Amino acid sequence: MVLQEDAQKKFEMTQDLVKIYEWLLNMYMLDFYVDHQWSTLPASWNESLQTMDPEDLGTLLSGAPIKHMLPLSLLSLVKCAHTLSISRKMNYKTRIIEDFPHSEVANNPKLKNLFLKHVKLKKRHEINLMAEIVNETAKLSNCGAVLDFGSGLGHLMRVLSYKYDLFTMGIESQSQLTEQARTFDLELEYTAKKHLSEELMSKLKRPTHINLTLTSSEQLLQLPLTANITEYGLIGLHPCGDLGPLLLKHFINCEKVKFICIVGCCYMKLSCDIEPYGYPMSEYVKNLGSKLTFTSREIACHAIETYAERLMKGEYEYLKIHAFRAALEKILVEHDPALKHSPVRSIKHSNTMTFDSYCSAALSRLHVCLCAEAVSAGHDCVSRWRHVVLLYSLRLLLAPAVETLVLLDRMLYVLEHGLQCEIRPVFDPKISPRNHIIIGRRI
């Protein structure tokens, strides 16, 4: 268990690193050519990176050593980023549980694949592991009910209800998802009925679904709980933006909430300048005056492992599209400064796509007519597309450090109130980039 003092020290060291390289984190890749970002790198970095292949940089991002000679300042950044960031290496293995004492659905071999229907592969990975963590935490907390926020189609709730025998209630803002979730519940029971007796079917715990858009902690105190739910745990598989902090605050303030298990998402949508803060949350971090810009929080949501793997395999031609967009931005700004950051059409890169064809497709919604000379001028920018890839990779190197600040702030918030808290990298980061679960319990 992490001590509060250790978490504070780690936060300060990581914050120092992020502050030093704010200039790098705050680069907006759309403005790569407009702001001449490549020339803003330290001269030693610029010279060294000029001759580096993206494959080598992918190896560097992965934490493995490379033969390429790098400046000590850049090596220091790499080492500090890897050392200070909370480990993203999956350290939780799903257990083989052959017997579920209270679950007739889970114990019946003919129903073992019942929970896979309608669930995509990524979601299966997340749901199976999340359900195990929630069940484990519920038992430790002597709690038999959970509230799932942002429950969507109810896949996680069905596993927790029918497999782990927990009372569940899902809170979802989109009514069509709630209706579909109820349909899936009935569909599961219809299949189970073919293999279970009426008596066993009567004992199944069907999930409860409600529609609600949460905006305040007061709403959480007025939830229409069922008679079976008096004390409960809070769970959220990727609650977006301020929803995660809102759930953490409810956990702290409501004695009925015995535990919380949440996985972060969409840090760029956190409220950081107005109350109630999504970041920072803890008094300790607030007193440090910690700030995270939108661009730094946005890069923290990107997948570093998958990106590094693609670079190492030489699969980076598709990244030319970022250079295409940045080159188009330079053309648009020179054509008319009022067009800066215009919402052009999103285009996927293909190996046969030329810059001219990209411009034509991207500008179809803006109705901007660029002369052939202007488009031709963008070809020189596009020829340096590897620079865009290299600079983006350097920013991505710091992404786990920024996420570490967000996670530690949330942990410190819980610890400050005398409750237990831990951060576990449970999911495979190549499958689920936001792979840490924050687990809090009342002692």
Protein backbone atom coordinates (compact mmCIF):
# COMPACT_ATOMS: atom_id res chain seq x y z
CA MET A 1 0.00 0.00 0.00
CA VAL A 2 1.40 3.41 -1.00
CA LEU A 3 1.97 5.81 1.91
CA GLN A 4 0.63 9.34 1.62
CA GLU A 5 4.11 10.82 2.05
CA ASP A 6 5.49 8.62 -0.74
CA ALA A 7 2.70 9.68 -3.08
CA GLN A 8 3.38 13.33 -2.29
CA LYS A 9 7.09 12.97 -2.99
CA LYS A 10 6.47 11.15 -6.27
CA PHE A 11 3.98 13.83 -7.29
CA GLU A 12 6.45 16.65 -6.65
CA MET A 13 9.23 14.97 -8.61
CA THR A 14 6.93 14.21 -11.53
CA GLN A 15 5.53 17.74 -11.49
CA ASP A 16 9.07 19.14 -11.66
CA LEU A 17 9.71 17.07 -14.78
CA VAL A 18 6.47 18.18 -16.43
CA LYS A 19 7.21 21.83 -15.62
CA ILE A 20 10.65 21.65 -17.21
CA TYR A 21 9.18 20.31 -20.45
CA GLU A 22 5.95 22.29 -20.54
CA TRP A 23 7.18 23.94 -23.72
CA LEU A 24 7.24 20.53 -25.40
CA LEU A 25 3.93 19.32 -24.00
CA ASN A 26 2.16 22.51 -25.02
CA MET A 27 3.12 22.28 -28.68
CA TYR A 28 0.04 21.91 -30.83
CA MET A 29 1.03 19.66 -33.73
CA LEU A 30 -1.46 21.36 -36.03
CA ASP A 31 0.80 24.43 -35.85
CA PHE A 32 4.02 22.49 -36.53
CA TYR A 33 4.89 24.44 -39.69
CA VAL A 34 3.12 27.69 -38.75
CA ASP A 35 5.18 28.04 -35.55
CA HIS A 36 8.37 26.46 -36.94
CA GLN A 37 8.29 24.03 -34.03
CA TRP A 38 11.18 21.86 -35.22
CA SER A 39 13.57 24.81 -34.91
CA THR A 40 12.51 25.40 -31.28
CA LEU A 41 14.15 22.15 -30.15
CA PRO A 42 17.53 22.44 -28.41
CA ALA A 43 20.28 22.50 -31.04
CA SER A 44 21.82 19.24 -29.77
CA TRP A 45 18.43 17.47 -29.98
CA ASN A 46 17.78 18.84 -33.44
CA GLU A 47 21.14 17.64 -34.72
CA SER A 48 20.80 14.18 -33.16
CA LEU A 49 17.19 13.57 -34.20
CA GLN A 50 17.85 14.61 -37.79
CA THR A 51 19.61 11.30 -38.38
CA MET A 52 17.36 9.12 -36.23
CA ASP A 53 14.94 6.72 -37.85
CA PRO A 54 11.40 6.55 -36.42
CA GLU A 55 12.08 2.87 -35.65
CA ASP A 56 14.80 3.91 -33.20
CA LEU A 57 12.52 6.44 -31.58
CA GLY A 58 9.90 3.75 -31.14
CA THR A 59 12.48 1.67 -29.29
CA LEU A 60 13.28 4.69 -27.14
CA LEU A 61 9.60 5.20 -26.29
CA SER A 62 9.33 1.57 -25.22
CA GLY A 63 12.12 2.05 -22.67
CA ALA A 64 14.59 -0.24 -24.43
CA PRO A 65 18.19 0.92 -25.09
CA ILE A 66 19.23 2.06 -28.56
CA LYS A 67 22.63 2.32 -30.25
CA HIS A 68 21.97 5.84 -31.51
CA MET A 69 24.05 8.55 -29.77
CA LEU A 70 21.83 11.02 -27.97
CA PRO A 71 22.56 14.23 -26.02
CA LEU A 72 22.69 13.74 -22.25
CA SER A 73 19.78 16.16 -21.79
CA LEU A 74 17.56 14.02 -24.03
CA LEU A 75 18.69 10.80 -22.35
CA SER A 76 17.88 12.40 -19.00
CA LEU A 77 14.36 13.20 -20.20
CA VAL A 78 13.83 9.62 -21.36
CA LYS A 79 15.12 8.15 -18.10
CA CYS A 80 13.12 10.49 -15.87
CA ALA A 81 9.91 10.00 -17.85
CA HIS A 82 10.13 6.21 -17.54
CA THR A 83 11.23 6.25 -13.88
CA LEU A 84 8.72 8.74 -12.51
CA SER A 85 5.62 7.60 -14.40
CA ILE A 86 3.37 5.08 -12.68
CA SER A 87 4.02 1.70 -14.25
CA ARG A 88 1.69 0.89 -17.12
CA LYS A 89 2.76 -2.76 -17.30
CA MET A 90 -0.21 -5.03 -16.72
CA ASN A 91 0.33 -6.74 -13.35
CA TYR A 92 -3.01 -8.43 -12.78
CA LYS A 93 -3.79 -11.85 -14.16
CA THR A 94 -7.33 -13.12 -14.36
CA ARG A 95 -7.81 -16.02 -12.02
CA ILE A 96 -9.26 -19.34 -13.09
CA ILE A 97 -12.32 -19.66 -10.92
CA GLU A 98 -14.19 -22.88 -11.58
CA ASP A 99 -16.79 -22.49 -8.89
CA PHE A 100 -19.08 -19.56 -8.19
CA PRO A 101 -20.95 -20.52 -4.98
CA HIS A 102 -23.97 -18.29 -5.61
CA SER A 103 -24.11 -18.18 -9.41
CA GLU A 104 -26.06 -20.82 -11.28
CA VAL A 105 -25.38 -19.04 -14.56
CA ALA A 106 -21.60 -19.04 -14.07
CA ASN A 107 -21.52 -22.66 -12.84
CA ASN A 108 -23.46 -24.06 -15.78
CA PRO A 109 -20.98 -25.15 -18.50
CA LYS A 110 -23.58 -24.59 -21.23
CA LEU A 111 -23.80 -20.92 -20.28
CA LYS A 112 -20.09 -20.11 -19.99
CA ASN A 113 -20.06 -17.93 -23.13
CA LEU A 114 -23.29 -16.17 -22.31
CA PHE A 115 -21.59 -12.91 -21.36
CA LEU A 116 -19.60 -12.60 -24.59
CA LYS A 117 -22.58 -11.88 -26.82
CA HIS A 118 -22.72 -8.35 -28.26
CA VAL A 119 -19.36 -7.49 -26.60
CA LYS A 120 -16.38 -6.39 -28.69
CA LEU A 121 -12.94 -7.88 -28.00
CA LYS A 122 -11.53 -4.76 -26.29
CA LYS A 123 -14.57 -4.53 -24.06
CA ARG A 124 -14.38 -8.23 -23.18
CA HIS A 125 -10.83 -7.75 -21.92
CA GLU A 126 -11.82 -4.75 -19.81
CA ILE A 127 -15.07 -6.19 -18.48
CA ASN A 128 -13.62 -9.53 -17.39
CA LEU A 129 -10.79 -7.92 -15.44
CA MET A 130 -12.86 -5.04 -14.10
CA ALA A 131 -15.54 -7.45 -12.87
CA GLU A 132 -12.95 -9.51 -10.99
CA ILE A 133 -11.50 -6.41 -9.33
CA VAL A 134 -14.97 -5.12 -8.38
CA ASN A 135 -16.03 -8.49 -6.99
CA GLU A 136 -12.79 -8.82 -5.03
CA THR A 137 -13.16 -5.29 -3.60
CA ALA A 138 -16.85 -5.83 -2.79
CA LYS A 139 -15.99 -8.92 -0.74
CA LEU A 140 -13.23 -7.10 1.14
CA SER A 141 -15.72 -4.31 1.86
CA ASN A 142 -18.49 -6.72 2.89
CA CYS A 143 -20.70 -5.05 0.31
CA GLY A 144 -23.15 -6.79 -2.02
CA ALA A 145 -24.24 -3.99 -4.34
CA VAL A 146 -22.68 -1.66 -6.91
CA LEU A 147 -23.71 1.40 -8.90
CA ASP A 148 -22.23 1.56 -12.40
CA PHE A 149 -21.95 5.09 -13.82
CA GLY A 150 -21.91 5.44 -17.58
CA SER A 151 -23.22 1.87 -17.76
CA GLY A 152 -23.95 2.03 -21.50
CA LEU A 153 -25.28 -1.28 -22.81
CA GLY A 154 -24.91 -2.89 -19.37
CA HIS A 155 -22.25 -5.45 -20.29
CA LEU A 156 -20.29 -5.02 -17.05
CA MET A 157 -23.45 -5.04 -14.93
CA ARG A 158 -24.63 -8.33 -16.42
CA VAL A 159 -21.36 -10.01 -15.44
CA LEU A 160 -21.54 -8.58 -11.93
CA SER A 161 -25.22 -9.49 -11.47
CA TYR A 162 -25.62 -12.87 -13.12
CA LYS A 163 -22.07 -14.19 -12.68
CA TYR A 164 -20.92 -12.66 -9.39
CA ASP A 165 -24.36 -12.42 -7.76
CA LEU A 166 -24.15 -8.71 -6.92
CA PHE A 167 -27.07 -6.29 -6.89
CA THR A 168 -26.38 -3.72 -9.60
CA MET A 169 -27.83 -0.43 -10.75
CA GLY A 170 -26.65 1.32 -13.90
CA ILE A 171 -26.83 5.08 -14.41
CA GLU A 172 -26.68 6.11 -18.06
CA SER A 173 -27.47 9.46 -19.71
CA GLN A 174 -28.56 8.05 -23.09
CA SER A 175 -32.01 6.49 -22.98
CA GLN A 176 -31.50 4.40 -26.12
CA LEU A 177 -28.54 2.65 -24.50
CA THR A 178 -30.59 1.95 -21.40
CA GLU A 179 -33.41 0.42 -23.41
CA GLN A 180 -30.96 -1.76 -25.32
CA ALA A 181 -29.33 -2.83 -22.03
CA ARG A 182 -32.72 -4.00 -20.71
CA THR A 183 -33.25 -5.93 -23.93
CA PHE A 184 -29.89 -7.65 -23.54
CA ASP A 185 -30.76 -8.55 -19.92
CA LEU A 186 -33.94 -10.28 -21.06
CA GLU A 187 -32.11 -11.95 -23.92
CA LEU A 188 -29.59 -13.42 -21.48
CA GLU A 189 -32.35 -14.67 -19.19
CA TYR A 190 -34.19 -16.21 -22.13
CA THR A 191 -31.10 -18.27 -22.97
CA ALA A 192 -30.44 -19.15 -19.31
CA LYS A 193 -34.03 -20.33 -18.90
CA LYS A 194 -33.37 -23.18 -21.33
CA HIS A 195 -30.84 -24.68 -18.92
CA LEU A 196 -32.01 -23.61 -15.45
CA SER A 197 -35.06 -24.50 -13.39
CA GLU A 198 -37.74 -21.96 -12.53
CA GLU A 199 -36.53 -21.93 -8.95
CA LEU A 200 -32.98 -21.09 -9.99
CA MET A 201 -34.21 -18.49 -12.46
CA SER A 202 -36.17 -16.79 -9.69
CA LYS A 203 -32.95 -16.30 -7.73
CA LEU A 204 -31.15 -14.41 -10.49
CA LYS A 205 -30.37 -10.77 -9.75
CA ARG A 206 -31.46 -8.70 -12.73
CA PRO A 207 -29.67 -5.33 -13.17
CA THR A 208 -31.62 -2.12 -12.67
CA HIS A 209 -31.15 0.64 -15.25
CA ILE A 210 -32.01 4.32 -14.86
CA ASN A 211 -31.53 7.38 -17.06
CA LEU A 212 -29.80 10.36 -15.47
CA THR A 213 -27.31 13.00 -16.54
CA LEU A 214 -25.12 13.76 -13.55
CA THR A 215 -23.99 17.34 -13.03
CA SER A 216 -23.75 17.68 -9.23
CA SER A 217 -23.04 15.69 -6.07
CA GLU A 218 -26.56 16.48 -4.81
CA GLN A 219 -28.03 14.25 -7.51
CA LEU A 220 -25.98 11.34 -6.20
CA LEU A 221 -27.58 11.72 -2.79
CA GLN A 222 -31.05 11.49 -4.32
CA LEU A 223 -30.64 8.42 -6.51
CA PRO A 224 -33.76 6.19 -6.54
CA LEU A 225 -32.07 3.14 -5.02
CA THR A 226 -33.88 -0.19 -4.95
CA ALA A 227 -34.80 -1.84 -1.65
CA ASN A 228 -31.89 -4.27 -2.03
CA ILE A 229 -29.32 -1.49 -2.27
CA THR A 230 -28.60 0.33 0.98
CA GLU A 231 -24.80 0.28 1.02
CA TYR A 232 -22.93 0.06 -2.26
CA GLY A 233 -19.74 0.49 -4.24
CA LEU A 234 -19.24 3.00 -7.04
CA ILE A 235 -17.78 1.76 -10.31
CA GLY A 236 -16.98 3.48 -13.58
CA LEU A 237 -15.25 2.01 -16.62
CA HIS A 238 -13.84 5.14 -18.28
CA PRO A 239 -16.12 7.86 -16.83
CA CYS A 240 -15.55 10.88 -19.03
CA GLY A 241 -14.14 14.22 -17.88
CA ASP A 242 -15.44 15.46 -14.54
CA LEU A 243 -17.57 12.38 -13.88
CA GLY A 244 -14.60 10.54 -12.35
CA PRO A 245 -13.84 13.31 -9.83
CA LEU A 246 -17.57 13.61 -9.06
CA LEU A 247 -17.72 9.92 -8.13
CA LEU A 248 -14.61 10.20 -5.98
CA LYS A 249 -16.16 13.11 -4.08
CA HIS A 250 -19.35 11.11 -3.50
CA PHE A 251 -17.25 8.21 -2.19
CA ILE A 252 -15.57 10.54 0.29
CA ASN A 253 -18.73 12.32 1.42
CA CYS A 254 -21.26 9.47 1.64
CA GLU A 255 -20.92 6.80 4.34
CA LYS A 256 -23.15 4.46 2.35
CA VAL A 257 -20.46 4.15 -0.31
CA LYS A 258 -18.14 1.37 0.86
CA PHE A 259 -15.72 1.33 -2.06
CA ILE A 260 -14.93 2.77 -5.46
CA CYS A 261 -13.33 1.31 -8.61
CA ILE A 262 -12.90 3.73 -11.51
CA VAL A 263 -10.78 3.90 -14.67
CA GLY A 264 -9.87 7.35 -16.00
CA CYS A 265 -10.75 8.80 -19.38
CA CYS A 266 -10.77 12.08 -21.34
CA TYR A 267 -8.49 14.11 -19.07
CA MET A 268 -8.67 17.05 -21.48
CA LYS A 269 -12.33 17.50 -20.48
CA LEU A 270 -11.50 18.03 -16.79
CA SER A 271 -12.47 21.35 -15.21
CA CYS A 272 -9.18 22.94 -14.19
CA ASP A 273 -9.91 26.66 -13.91
CA ILE A 274 -13.28 26.80 -12.17
CA GLU A 275 -14.86 25.14 -9.14
CA PRO A 276 -15.59 22.33 -8.65
CA TYR A 277 -12.16 21.28 -9.86
CA GLY A 278 -11.68 18.06 -11.76
CA TYR A 279 -7.97 18.77 -11.35
CA PRO A 280 -6.47 19.37 -8.88
CA MET A 281 -8.64 17.59 -6.30
CA SER A 282 -6.35 17.07 -3.29
CA GLU A 283 -5.49 19.90 -0.91
CA TYR A 284 -1.83 18.97 -1.19
CA VAL A 285 -1.75 19.41 -4.97
CA LYS A 286 -3.87 22.57 -4.78
CA ASN A 287 -1.35 24.09 -2.35
CA LEU A 288 1.44 23.30 -4.81
CA GLY A 289 -0.42 25.37 -7.41
CA SER A 290 -0.26 22.55 -9.95
CA LYS A 291 -1.66 23.35 -13.39
CA LEU A 292 -2.06 21.15 -16.44
CA THR A 293 -2.84 22.72 -19.81
CA PHE A 294 -5.40 21.33 -22.22
CA THR A 295 -2.71 20.15 -24.65
CA SER A 296 -0.80 18.30 -21.92
CA ARG A 297 -3.98 16.59 -20.67
CA GLU A 298 -4.96 15.71 -24.23
CA ILE A 299 -1.64 14.03 -25.04
CA ALA A 300 -1.95 12.03 -21.78
CA CYS A 301 -4.89 10.17 -23.33
CA HIS A 302 -2.87 8.78 -26.23
CA ALA A 303 -1.63 5.21 -26.56
CA ILE A 304 2.15 5.16 -26.16
CA GLU A 305 2.65 1.36 -26.29
CA THR A 306 0.76 0.79 -29.54
CA TYR A 307 2.39 3.85 -31.11
CA ALA A 308 5.90 2.73 -30.12
CA GLU A 309 5.24 -0.76 -31.43
CA ARG A 310 4.12 0.57 -34.80
CA LEU A 311 7.22 2.76 -35.07
CA MET A 312 9.49 -0.18 -34.27
CA LYS A 313 7.79 -2.24 -36.98
CA GLY A 314 8.21 0.56 -39.50
CA GLU A 315 4.44 1.05 -39.70
CA TYR A 316 4.38 4.84 -39.69
CA GLU A 317 3.54 5.83 -43.26
CA TYR A 318 -0.04 6.44 -42.13
CA LEU A 319 1.29 9.22 -39.87
CA LYS A 320 1.93 11.35 -42.95
CA ILE A 321 -1.64 12.54 -42.55
CA HIS A 322 -0.55 14.68 -39.57
CA ALA A 323 2.05 16.40 -41.73
CA PHE A 324 -0.57 16.87 -44.46
CA ARG A 325 -2.88 18.60 -41.99
CA ALA A 326 -0.10 20.76 -40.54
CA ALA A 327 1.03 21.77 -44.04
CA LEU A 328 -2.54 22.64 -44.99
CA GLU A 329 -2.80 24.73 -41.82
CA LYS A 330 0.22 26.77 -42.89
CA ILE A 331 -1.30 27.31 -46.33
CA LEU A 332 -4.65 28.38 -44.87
CA VAL A 333 -3.10 30.82 -42.38
CA GLU A 334 -1.00 32.42 -45.11
CA HIS A 335 -4.08 32.62 -47.35
CA ASP A 336 -6.23 34.18 -44.61
CA PRO A 337 -5.24 34.38 -40.89
CA ALA A 338 -8.95 34.12 -39.99
CA LEU A 339 -8.88 30.51 -41.23
CA LYS A 340 -6.54 29.42 -38.43
CA HIS A 341 -7.68 26.11 -36.88
CA SER A 342 -10.65 25.85 -39.21
CA PRO A 343 -12.61 22.57 -38.90
CA VAL A 344 -11.53 20.85 -42.10
CA ARG A 345 -12.89 17.46 -43.03
CA SER A 346 -11.15 14.53 -41.31
CA ILE A 347 -9.38 12.32 -43.84
CA LYS A 348 -7.71 8.94 -43.31
CA HIS A 349 -4.34 8.49 -44.96
CA SER A 350 -3.79 5.92 -47.66
CA ASN A 351 -0.57 5.00 -49.43
CA THR A 352 -1.95 6.29 -52.71
CA MET A 353 -3.03 9.68 -51.35
CA THR A 354 -1.17 12.75 -52.58
CA PHE A 355 -1.03 16.07 -50.77
CA ASP A 356 -3.05 17.66 -53.56
CA SER A 357 -5.83 15.08 -53.25
CA TYR A 358 -5.78 15.48 -49.46
CA CYS A 359 -6.23 19.25 -49.71
CA SER A 360 -9.11 18.84 -52.14
CA ALA A 361 -10.93 16.40 -49.85
CA ALA A 362 -10.15 18.21 -46.58
CA LEU A 363 -11.38 21.57 -47.86
CA SER A 364 -14.66 20.27 -49.27
CA ARG A 365 -16.64 21.63 -46.30
CA LEU A 366 -14.90 25.00 -46.07
CA HIS A 367 -15.47 26.03 -49.66
CA VAL A 368 -12.03 27.67 -49.71
CA CYS A 369 -10.36 27.91 -53.09
CA LEU A 370 -6.57 27.75 -52.95
CA CYS A 371 -4.45 28.52 -55.97
CA ALA A 372 -2.11 25.86 -57.36
CA GLU A 373 0.93 27.86 -56.23
CA ALA A 374 -0.27 27.81 -52.60
CA VAL A 375 -0.81 24.05 -52.63
CA SER A 376 2.52 23.54 -54.33
CA ALA A 377 4.22 25.47 -51.53
CA GLY A 378 2.92 22.87 -49.08
CA HIS A 379 4.88 20.10 -50.78
CA ASP A 380 8.11 21.28 -49.19
CA CYS A 381 6.49 21.00 -45.75
CA VAL A 382 5.17 17.52 -46.45
CA SER A 383 8.63 16.36 -47.55
CA ARG A 384 9.68 16.86 -43.90
CA TRP A 385 6.86 14.73 -42.52
CA ARG A 386 9.24 12.64 -40.42
CA HIS A 387 9.98 15.69 -38.31
CA VAL A 388 6.30 15.79 -37.34
CA VAL A 389 6.47 12.13 -36.32
CA LEU A 390 9.65 12.65 -34.30
CA LEU A 391 8.37 15.69 -32.42
CA TYR A 392 5.04 14.05 -31.67
CA SER A 393 6.94 11.05 -30.32
CA LEU A 394 8.89 13.27 -27.92
CA ARG A 395 5.64 14.73 -26.61
CA LEU A 396 4.18 11.25 -26.25
CA LEU A 397 7.19 10.27 -24.14
CA LEU A 398 5.86 12.64 -21.45
CA ALA A 399 2.23 11.50 -21.70
CA PRO A 400 2.47 8.85 -18.92
CA ALA A 401 4.06 11.46 -16.61
CA VAL A 402 1.07 13.79 -17.09
CA GLU A 403 -1.35 10.94 -16.44
CA THR A 404 0.67 10.08 -13.32
CA LEU A 405 -0.04 13.58 -11.95
CA VAL A 406 -3.77 13.14 -12.49
CA LEU A 407 -3.82 9.68 -10.90
CA LEU A 408 -1.67 10.68 -7.90
CA ASP A 409 -3.83 13.74 -7.29
CA ARG A 410 -6.90 11.49 -7.12
CA MET A 411 -5.13 9.03 -4.83
CA LEU A 412 -3.98 11.83 -2.51
CA TYR A 413 -7.53 13.18 -2.38
CA VAL A 414 -8.75 9.84 -1.04
CA LEU A 415 -5.80 9.34 1.33
CA GLU A 416 -6.27 12.84 2.78
CA HIS A 417 -9.68 11.71 4.04
CA GLY A 418 -8.27 8.72 5.88
CA LEU A 419 -9.46 6.07 3.42
CA GLN A 420 -7.49 3.35 1.65
CA CYS A 421 -6.50 3.87 -1.97
CA GLU A 422 -4.33 2.17 -4.55
CA ILE A 423 -3.65 2.45 -8.28
CA ARG A 424 -3.35 -0.76 -10.25
CA PRO A 425 -2.41 -1.16 -13.95
CA VAL A 426 -4.92 -3.95 -14.59
CA PHE A 427 -5.59 -3.87 -18.34
CA ASP A 428 -3.17 -4.59 -21.16
CA PRO A 429 -2.18 -1.05 -22.29
CA LYS A 430 -2.02 -2.16 -25.92
CA ILE A 431 -5.69 -3.09 -25.71
CA SER A 432 -6.89 -0.44 -23.29
CA PRO A 433 -4.53 2.59 -23.07
CA ARG A 434 -6.23 3.96 -19.93
CA ASN A 435 -5.37 0.84 -17.99
CA HIS A 436 -5.15 1.95 -14.35
CA ILE A 437 -7.95 1.29 -11.89
CA ILE A 438 -8.18 3.53 -8.84
CA ILE A 439 -9.47 1.39 -5.96
CA GLY A 440 -10.62 3.07 -2.75
CA ARG A 441 -12.13 1.45 0.34
CA ARG A 442 -13.51 2.49 3.68
CA ILE A 443 -11.39 0.94 6.42
